[in-house]
Amino acid sequence: MVEEAQREMRLMIYGLQPTVLREKGFFEALETLCELFGARYQLEVTSLLEGDETRIDHKTQLALYRVIQEALHNIVKHARATKAKVSLTIQEREAVARIEDNGQGFNGRQAKSSGLGLAGMKERIAALQGDFHLAPAPGKGTTITVRIPLFPPPGSSSSSFRP
């Protein structure tokens, strides 16, 4: 019972305190988030994080963290999934995140009448000039793909960067 309470408290702290991104680093914060969801909800969550996390500014890290958090929450709440996979690849010009589950999926009409969670995710990504793509497959699960453009760091030569 105490262990259950500790897991719940950790999940709530990770949900409320974005400072975890600064304290632990972006990749470690995402790995911990996935572990907490897995332990708390008996969901097999795997994470694959690749690239240089320092290429992403704090605002983008926070948006990606919150989108992944909301996607995992939706998987637990709606998908009836047993497995989820979170992948994030940081490339030269973009960051690509993908959250997949093996749940029940849903149809397009359900997505249009969905609540604030999906709308909030879309707004966060749009604010970063990114793309949000939802691919539900009834009976097979759902995949969310997010692409966020990365711009050259301040002070670097922009002549070698072509968006």
Protein backbone atom coordinates (compact mmCIF):
# COMPACT_ATOMS: atom_id res chain seq x y z
CA MET A 1 0.00 0.00 0.00
CA VAL A 2 2.87 2.37 0.83
CA GLU A 3 4.62 1.53 -2.45
CA GLU A 4 1.39 2.24 -4.33
CA ALA A 5 1.07 5.61 -2.58
CA GLN A 6 4.70 6.45 -3.42
CA ARG A 7 4.18 5.59 -7.10
CA GLU A 8 1.04 7.72 -7.20
CA MET A 9 2.82 10.63 -5.51
CA ARG A 10 5.76 10.44 -7.95
CA LEU A 11 3.38 10.44 -10.90
CA MET A 12 1.56 13.49 -9.53
CA ILE A 13 4.84 15.32 -8.91
CA TYR A 14 6.02 14.59 -12.45
CA GLY A 15 2.69 15.83 -13.70
CA LEU A 16 2.81 19.09 -11.81
CA GLN A 17 6.47 20.04 -11.74
CA PRO A 18 8.04 20.80 -15.09
CA THR A 19 11.27 21.60 -13.19
CA VAL A 20 12.00 17.90 -13.51
CA LEU A 21 13.16 18.70 -17.04
CA ARG A 22 15.90 20.95 -15.72
CA GLU A 23 16.82 18.78 -12.77
CA LYS A 24 17.13 15.48 -14.57
CA GLY A 25 17.63 16.38 -18.19
CA PHE A 26 15.09 15.91 -20.94
CA PHE A 27 15.71 12.27 -21.87
CA GLU A 28 15.94 11.13 -18.26
CA ALA A 29 12.71 12.97 -17.41
CA LEU A 30 10.93 11.22 -20.32
CA GLU A 31 12.31 7.81 -19.33
CA THR A 32 11.16 8.35 -15.75
CA LEU A 33 7.72 9.45 -16.93
CA CYS A 34 7.40 6.26 -19.01
CA GLU A 35 8.56 4.11 -16.08
CA LEU A 36 6.07 5.75 -13.72
CA PHE A 37 3.16 5.21 -16.11
CA GLY A 38 4.24 1.61 -16.60
CA ALA A 39 4.49 0.90 -12.87
CA ARG A 40 1.34 2.76 -11.91
CA TYR A 41 -0.95 1.43 -14.61
CA GLN A 42 0.55 -1.97 -15.45
CA LEU A 43 1.24 -0.75 -18.96
CA GLU A 44 4.35 -2.00 -20.73
CA VAL A 45 5.91 1.28 -21.84
CA THR A 46 9.11 1.29 -23.85
CA SER A 47 11.04 4.40 -24.76
CA LEU A 48 13.54 4.98 -27.53
CA LEU A 49 15.23 8.36 -27.30
CA GLU A 50 17.88 9.31 -29.85
CA GLY A 51 19.89 12.39 -30.71
CA ASP A 52 21.26 15.40 -28.87
CA GLU A 53 18.70 16.54 -26.31
CA THR A 54 20.54 19.85 -25.87
CA ARG A 55 19.44 20.87 -29.38
CA ILE A 56 15.93 21.42 -28.04
CA ASP A 57 15.19 24.55 -26.03
CA HIS A 58 13.28 24.41 -22.75
CA LYS A 59 9.98 25.61 -24.29
CA THR A 60 10.07 22.80 -26.86
CA GLN A 61 11.11 20.25 -24.26
CA LEU A 62 8.19 21.24 -22.07
CA ALA A 63 5.72 21.02 -24.96
CA LEU A 64 6.99 17.58 -26.00
CA TYR A 65 6.97 16.37 -22.40
CA ARG A 66 3.38 17.52 -21.91
CA VAL A 67 2.23 16.00 -25.22
CA ILE A 68 3.81 12.65 -24.34
CA GLN A 69 2.34 12.84 -20.85
CA GLU A 70 -1.16 13.53 -22.22
CA ALA A 71 -0.83 10.78 -24.83
CA LEU A 72 0.13 8.25 -22.14
CA HIS A 73 -2.76 9.48 -20.00
CA ASN A 74 -5.15 8.98 -22.93
CA ILE A 75 -3.77 5.48 -23.52
CA VAL A 76 -4.44 4.56 -19.90
CA LYS A 77 -7.85 6.22 -19.82
CA HIS A 78 -9.27 5.22 -23.20
CA ALA A 79 -7.22 2.71 -25.19
CA ARG A 80 -7.42 -0.47 -23.10
CA ALA A 81 -3.84 -1.05 -24.23
CA THR A 82 -1.28 -3.39 -22.72
CA LYS A 83 1.71 -1.83 -24.48
CA ALA A 84 2.84 1.64 -25.47
CA LYS A 85 5.98 2.89 -27.18
CA VAL A 86 7.39 6.39 -26.93
CA SER A 87 10.09 7.33 -29.41
CA LEU A 88 11.81 10.65 -29.89
CA THR A 89 14.45 11.30 -32.50
CA ILE A 90 16.26 14.61 -32.55
CA GLN A 91 17.67 15.25 -35.98
CA GLU A 92 19.52 18.19 -37.46
CA ARG A 93 16.42 20.06 -38.59
CA GLU A 94 13.56 18.55 -36.61
CA ALA A 95 12.50 16.57 -33.59
CA VAL A 96 10.13 13.70 -34.28
CA ALA A 97 8.12 12.11 -31.49
CA ARG A 98 5.89 9.10 -31.90
CA ILE A 99 3.59 7.58 -29.29
CA GLU A 100 2.01 4.26 -30.21
CA ASP A 101 -0.25 1.83 -28.40
CA ASN A 102 -1.79 -1.56 -29.05
CA GLY A 103 -5.19 -0.57 -27.73
CA GLN A 104 -8.65 -0.53 -29.23
CA GLY A 105 -8.14 2.57 -31.38
CA PHE A 106 -11.12 4.65 -32.40
CA ASN A 107 -12.79 6.08 -35.48
CA GLY A 108 -12.42 9.56 -36.95
CA ARG A 109 -15.76 10.77 -35.63
CA GLN A 110 -14.67 10.03 -32.07
CA ALA A 111 -11.49 12.08 -32.61
CA LYS A 112 -13.49 15.11 -33.79
CA SER A 113 -15.74 15.00 -30.74
CA SER A 114 -12.87 14.34 -28.34
CA GLY A 115 -12.15 16.40 -25.27
CA LEU A 116 -9.54 18.97 -24.44
CA GLY A 117 -6.58 16.56 -24.30
CA LEU A 118 -6.08 16.20 -28.04
CA ALA A 119 -6.89 19.85 -28.66
CA GLY A 120 -4.30 20.87 -26.08
CA MET A 121 -1.67 18.65 -27.66
CA LYS A 122 -2.37 20.12 -31.10
CA GLU A 123 -2.19 23.68 -29.77
CA ARG A 124 1.16 23.08 -28.04
CA ILE A 125 2.69 21.71 -31.22
CA ALA A 126 1.16 24.39 -33.47
CA ALA A 127 2.64 27.08 -31.20
CA LEU A 128 6.08 25.65 -32.11
CA GLN A 129 5.28 25.65 -35.84
CA GLY A 130 5.11 21.87 -35.70
CA ASP A 131 2.85 19.21 -37.14
CA PHE A 132 0.58 16.92 -35.13
CA HIS A 133 -0.77 13.78 -36.76
CA LEU A 134 -3.22 11.37 -35.14
CA ALA A 135 -3.62 7.94 -36.74
CA PRO A 136 -6.25 5.84 -34.97
CA ALA A 137 -6.80 2.30 -36.20
CA PRO A 138 -9.98 0.77 -34.77
CA GLY A 139 -9.10 -2.53 -33.12
CA LYS A 140 -5.36 -2.03 -33.67
CA GLY A 141 -4.32 0.97 -31.60
CA THR A 142 -3.40 4.59 -32.16
CA THR A 143 -0.26 6.41 -33.24
CA ILE A 144 0.48 10.07 -32.61
CA THR A 145 3.32 11.58 -34.61
CA VAL A 146 4.68 15.03 -33.84
CA ARG A 147 7.26 16.91 -35.92
CA ILE A 148 8.79 20.11 -34.62
CA PRO A 149 11.28 22.12 -36.68
CA LEU A 150 14.57 22.91 -34.98
CA PHE A 151 16.28 26.16 -35.67
CA PRO A 152 20.00 26.85 -35.42
CA PRO A 153 21.19 27.83 -31.95
CA PRO A 154 21.65 31.56 -31.34
CA GLY A 155 25.08 32.78 -32.40
CA SER A 156 25.65 29.97 -34.88
CA SER A 157 26.17 30.58 -38.55
CA SER A 158 22.80 30.39 -40.29
CA SER A 159 24.39 30.06 -43.73
CA SER A 160 24.80 26.32 -43.27
CA PHE A 161 21.23 25.86 -42.03
CA ARG A 162 18.50 25.40 -44.59
CA PRO A 163 15.00 24.75 -43.24
